[in-house]
Amino acid sequence: MTRKTPPRPPSGLQSGGRRLWRAITRQHALEQHEADLLTQACRTVDLLDRLAEAVAKAPLTIDGRANPLLVEHRQQAITVARLLAALRLPDADAGRPQKRTGARGVYQAARREQAPEQRHAVTQSAPDATVASLDERRAKLLAEEGGT
């Protein structure tokens, strides 16, 4: 089986973005929607590089607050991480697709630990019963931690 030549990086990408583009497209064949996500991730990497240069020359605080450049750098780092996670590239070691996780993953894990009849009871019960159940769980956790 012959491997297709990876697609060329989109125009306008800087060195960081081109490096990311090549690293991913050399190993993975992407559908159009995935290539679009990767393009946005590459552009965000380029923006992060420019922000890092500006942050290196700027003070950490301005008028007692975090420099807005630092805040923006952090936000863009979160953005690139989410874009790359949205690609759901296979795990290089295990050869399996990336698992989708996030804020809901914590709640789903806790829900899986409940017995099926408990899940059904909570979803079908009145709101007061759900609140009481949560209060009971909170009290139990506090008791286990030695609190009141």
C-alpha atoms as a PDB file:
ATOM      1  CA  MET A   1       0.000   0.000   0.000  1.00  0.00           C
ATOM      2  CA  THR A   2       1.497   3.325  -1.013  1.00  0.00           C
ATOM      3  CA  ARG A   3       1.156   6.256   1.287  1.00  0.00           C
ATOM      4  CA  LYS A   4      -0.239   9.402  -0.267  1.00  0.00           C
ATOM      5  CA  THR A   5       1.880  12.516  -0.098  1.00  0.00           C
ATOM      6  CA  PRO A   6       0.730  14.625   2.867  1.00  0.00           C
ATOM      7  CA  PRO A   7      -1.186  17.758   1.890  1.00  0.00           C
ATOM      8  CA  ARG A   8       0.723  21.016   1.818  1.00  0.00           C
ATOM      9  CA  PRO A   9       0.279  23.322   4.802  1.00  0.00           C
ATOM     10  CA  PRO A  10      -2.252  26.107   4.288  1.00  0.00           C
ATOM     11  CA  SER A  11      -0.770  29.383   3.152  1.00  0.00           C
ATOM     12  CA  GLY A  12       0.049  31.940   5.789  1.00  0.00           C
ATOM     13  CA  LEU A  13       1.241  29.514   8.448  1.00  0.00           C
ATOM     14  CA  GLN A  14       4.430  30.387  10.285  1.00  0.00           C
ATOM     15  CA  SER A  15       7.088  27.899  11.373  1.00  0.00           C
ATOM     16  CA  GLY A  16       5.224  26.589  14.450  1.00  0.00           C
ATOM     17  CA  GLY A  17       2.005  26.062  12.545  1.00  0.00           C
ATOM     18  CA  ARG A  18       3.768  24.403   9.610  1.00  0.00           C
ATOM     19  CA  ARG A  19       5.652  22.124  12.001  1.00  0.00           C
ATOM     20  CA  LEU A  20       2.398  20.998  13.642  1.00  0.00           C
ATOM     21  CA  TRP A  21       0.718  20.531  10.242  1.00  0.00           C
ATOM     22  CA  ARG A  22       3.528  18.307   8.971  1.00  0.00           C
ATOM     23  CA  ALA A  23       3.770  16.284  12.183  1.00  0.00           C
ATOM     24  CA  ILE A  24       0.104  15.350  12.018  1.00  0.00           C
ATOM     25  CA  THR A  25      -0.419  14.980   8.275  1.00  0.00           C
ATOM     26  CA  ARG A  26       2.636  12.726   7.900  1.00  0.00           C
ATOM     27  CA  GLN A  27       1.062  10.184  10.233  1.00  0.00           C
ATOM     28  CA  HIS A  28      -2.662  10.611   9.623  1.00  0.00           C
ATOM     29  CA  ALA A  29      -4.911  10.916   6.600  1.00  0.00           C
ATOM     30  CA  LEU A  30      -7.447  13.609   7.427  1.00  0.00           C
ATOM     31  CA  GLU A  31     -10.982  14.186   6.224  1.00  0.00           C
ATOM     32  CA  GLN A  32     -11.845  17.770   5.228  1.00  0.00           C
ATOM     33  CA  HIS A  33     -13.436  18.644   8.573  1.00  0.00           C
ATOM     34  CA  GLU A  34     -10.335  17.338  10.357  1.00  0.00           C
ATOM     35  CA  ALA A  35      -8.047  19.345   8.092  1.00  0.00           C
ATOM     36  CA  ASP A  36     -10.111  22.439   8.911  1.00  0.00           C
ATOM     37  CA  LEU A  37      -9.690  21.796  12.649  1.00  0.00           C
ATOM     38  CA  LEU A  38      -5.976  21.227  12.162  1.00  0.00           C
ATOM     39  CA  THR A  39      -5.684  24.485  10.192  1.00  0.00           C
ATOM     40  CA  GLN A  40      -7.261  26.381  13.087  1.00  0.00           C
ATOM     41  CA  ALA A  41      -4.959  24.623  15.563  1.00  0.00           C
ATOM     42  CA  CYS A  42      -1.919  25.544  13.448  1.00  0.00           C
ATOM     43  CA  ARG A  43      -3.000  29.182  13.257  1.00  0.00           C
ATOM     44  CA  THR A  44      -3.480  29.179  17.016  1.00  0.00           C
ATOM     45  CA  VAL A  45       0.017  27.746  17.501  1.00  0.00           C
ATOM     46  CA  ASP A  46       1.375  30.608  15.400  1.00  0.00           C
ATOM     47  CA  LEU A  47      -0.545  33.096  17.532  1.00  0.00           C
ATOM     48  CA  LEU A  48       0.841  31.451  20.679  1.00  0.00           C
ATOM     49  CA  ASP A  49       4.358  31.884  19.308  1.00  0.00           C
ATOM     50  CA  ARG A  50       3.757  35.594  18.693  1.00  0.00           C
ATOM     51  CA  LEU A  51       2.204  36.015  22.134  1.00  0.00           C
ATOM     52  CA  ALA A  52       5.163  34.213  23.755  1.00  0.00           C
ATOM     53  CA  GLU A  53       7.555  36.661  22.092  1.00  0.00           C
ATOM     54  CA  ALA A  54       5.516  39.612  23.330  1.00  0.00           C
ATOM     55  CA  VAL A  55       5.207  38.167  26.847  1.00  0.00           C
ATOM     56  CA  ALA A  56       8.980  37.683  27.046  1.00  0.00           C
ATOM     57  CA  LYS A  57       9.431  41.449  26.591  1.00  0.00           C
ATOM     58  CA  ALA A  58       6.531  42.550  28.814  1.00  0.00           C
ATOM     59  CA  PRO A  59       6.079  42.797  32.581  1.00  0.00           C
ATOM     60  CA  LEU A  60       4.107  40.012  34.275  1.00  0.00           C
ATOM     61  CA  THR A  61       1.737  42.480  35.887  1.00  0.00           C
ATOM     62  CA  ILE A  62       0.234  45.798  34.901  1.00  0.00           C
ATOM     63  CA  ASP A  63      -1.345  47.933  37.611  1.00  0.00           C
ATOM     64  CA  GLY A  64      -1.329  44.970  39.996  1.00  0.00           C
ATOM     65  CA  ARG A  65      -3.118  42.636  37.575  1.00  0.00           C
ATOM     66  CA  ALA A  66      -1.895  39.894  35.296  1.00  0.00           C
ATOM     67  CA  ASN A  67      -0.653  41.218  31.998  1.00  0.00           C
ATOM     68  CA  PRO A  68      -3.420  40.740  29.402  1.00  0.00           C
ATOM     69  CA  LEU A  69      -0.847  39.080  27.135  1.00  0.00           C
ATOM     70  CA  LEU A  70      -0.418  36.307  29.724  1.00  0.00           C
ATOM     71  CA  VAL A  71      -4.152  35.871  29.995  1.00  0.00           C
ATOM     72  CA  GLU A  72      -4.543  35.671  26.238  1.00  0.00           C
ATOM     73  CA  HIS A  73      -1.649  33.213  25.964  1.00  0.00           C
ATOM     74  CA  ARG A  74      -3.356  30.946  28.496  1.00  0.00           C
ATOM     75  CA  GLN A  75      -6.676  31.176  26.643  1.00  0.00           C
ATOM     76  CA  GLN A  76      -5.066  30.368  23.303  1.00  0.00           C
ATOM     77  CA  ALA A  77      -3.202  27.409  24.840  1.00  0.00           C
ATOM     78  CA  ILE A  78      -6.566  26.056  26.014  1.00  0.00           C
ATOM     79  CA  THR A  79      -7.978  26.630  22.530  1.00  0.00           C
ATOM     80  CA  VAL A  80      -5.221  24.715  20.759  1.00  0.00           C
ATOM     81  CA  ALA A  81      -5.551  21.840  23.228  1.00  0.00           C
ATOM     82  CA  ARG A  82      -9.290  21.638  22.565  1.00  0.00           C
ATOM     83  CA  LEU A  83      -8.833  21.818  18.804  1.00  0.00           C
ATOM     84  CA  LEU A  84      -6.288  19.007  18.870  1.00  0.00           C
ATOM     85  CA  ALA A  85      -8.509  16.934  21.158  1.00  0.00           C
ATOM     86  CA  ALA A  86     -11.417  17.490  18.751  1.00  0.00           C
ATOM     87  CA  LEU A  87      -9.348  15.846  16.015  1.00  0.00           C
ATOM     88  CA  ARG A  88      -9.572  12.599  18.003  1.00  0.00           C
ATOM     89  CA  LEU A  89      -6.333  11.297  16.554  1.00  0.00           C
ATOM     90  CA  PRO A  90      -5.576   7.659  17.357  1.00  0.00           C
ATOM     91  CA  ASP A  91      -3.389   6.967  20.345  1.00  0.00           C
ATOM     92  CA  ALA A  92       0.067   6.348  18.894  1.00  0.00           C
ATOM     93  CA  ASP A  93       0.954   3.660  21.441  1.00  0.00           C
ATOM     94  CA  ALA A  94      -2.287   1.701  21.524  1.00  0.00           C
ATOM     95  CA  GLY A  95      -3.529   2.393  17.995  1.00  0.00           C
ATOM     96  CA  ARG A  96      -7.004   3.215  19.248  1.00  0.00           C
ATOM     97  CA  PRO A  97      -9.061   6.367  18.812  1.00  0.00           C
ATOM     98  CA  GLN A  98      -8.743   9.072  21.399  1.00  0.00           C
ATOM     99  CA  LYS A  99     -11.393   8.908  24.096  1.00  0.00           C
ATOM    100  CA  ARG A 100     -13.685  11.889  24.298  1.00  0.00           C
ATOM    101  CA  THR A 101     -13.508  13.391  27.771  1.00  0.00           C
ATOM    102  CA  GLY A 102     -14.193  16.683  29.365  1.00  0.00           C
ATOM    103  CA  ALA A 103     -16.236  18.193  32.127  1.00  0.00           C
ATOM    104  CA  ARG A 104     -19.042  15.710  31.581  1.00  0.00           C
ATOM    105  CA  GLY A 105     -16.619  12.798  31.845  1.00  0.00           C
ATOM    106  CA  VAL A 106     -16.425  13.277  35.619  1.00  0.00           C
ATOM    107  CA  TYR A 107     -20.178  13.162  35.996  1.00  0.00           C
ATOM    108  CA  GLN A 108     -20.535  10.187  33.691  1.00  0.00           C
ATOM    109  CA  ALA A 109     -17.923   8.246  35.676  1.00  0.00           C
ATOM    110  CA  ALA A 110     -19.788   8.925  38.914  1.00  0.00           C
ATOM    111  CA  ARG A 111     -23.033   7.911  37.245  1.00  0.00           C
ATOM    112  CA  ARG A 112     -21.523   4.607  36.066  1.00  0.00           C
ATOM    113  CA  GLU A 113     -20.607   3.810  39.676  1.00  0.00           C
ATOM    114  CA  GLN A 114     -24.273   3.973  40.707  1.00  0.00           C
ATOM    115  CA  ALA A 115     -26.407   0.894  40.506  1.00  0.00           C
ATOM    116  CA  PRO A 116     -28.890   0.999  37.588  1.00  0.00           C
ATOM    117  CA  GLU A 117     -31.862   1.212  39.961  1.00  0.00           C
ATOM    118  CA  GLN A 118     -30.287   4.243  41.674  1.00  0.00           C
ATOM    119  CA  ARG A 119     -29.776   6.011  38.347  1.00  0.00           C
ATOM    120  CA  HIS A 120     -33.363   5.399  37.381  1.00  0.00           C
ATOM    121  CA  ALA A 121     -34.636   6.521  40.779  1.00  0.00           C
ATOM    122  CA  VAL A 122     -32.700   9.779  40.652  1.00  0.00           C
ATOM    123  CA  THR A 123     -33.765  10.650  37.118  1.00  0.00           C
ATOM    124  CA  GLN A 124     -37.405   9.757  37.723  1.00  0.00           C
ATOM    125  CA  SER A 125     -37.773  11.233  41.225  1.00  0.00           C
ATOM    126  CA  ALA A 126     -38.932  14.679  42.228  1.00  0.00           C
ATOM    127  CA  PRO A 127     -36.360  17.486  42.447  1.00  0.00           C
ATOM    128  CA  ASP A 128     -36.577  17.479  46.267  1.00  0.00           C
ATOM    129  CA  ALA A 129     -35.494  13.831  46.366  1.00  0.00           C
ATOM    130  CA  THR A 130     -32.506  14.592  44.134  1.00  0.00           C
ATOM    131  CA  VAL A 131     -31.442  17.448  46.415  1.00  0.00           C
ATOM    132  CA  ALA A 132     -31.859  15.215  49.470  1.00  0.00           C
ATOM    133  CA  SER A 133     -29.761  12.534  47.782  1.00  0.00           C
ATOM    134  CA  LEU A 134     -27.017  15.059  47.039  1.00  0.00           C
ATOM    135  CA  ASP A 135     -27.164  16.355  50.619  1.00  0.00           C
ATOM    136  CA  GLU A 136     -26.783  12.794  51.902  1.00  0.00           C
ATOM    137  CA  ARG A 137     -23.768  12.212  49.653  1.00  0.00           C
ATOM    138  CA  ARG A 138     -22.193  15.503  50.758  1.00  0.00           C
ATOM    139  CA  ALA A 139     -22.729  14.603  54.433  1.00  0.00           C
ATOM    140  CA  LYS A 140     -21.207  11.162  53.875  1.00  0.00           C
ATOM    141  CA  LEU A 141     -18.128  12.652  52.156  1.00  0.00           C
ATOM    142  CA  LEU A 142     -17.677  15.185  54.936  1.00  0.00           C
ATOM    143  CA  ALA A 143     -17.964  12.442  57.576  1.00  0.00           C
ATOM    144  CA  GLU A 144     -15.338  10.366  55.762  1.00  0.00           C
ATOM    145  CA  GLU A 145     -12.985  13.360  55.664  1.00  0.00           C
ATOM    146  CA  GLY A 146     -13.473  13.967  59.389  1.00  0.00           C
ATOM    147  CA  GLY A 147     -15.552  17.103  58.888  1.00  0.00           C
ATOM    148  CA  THR A 148     -19.032  17.805  60.150  1.00  0.00           C
END
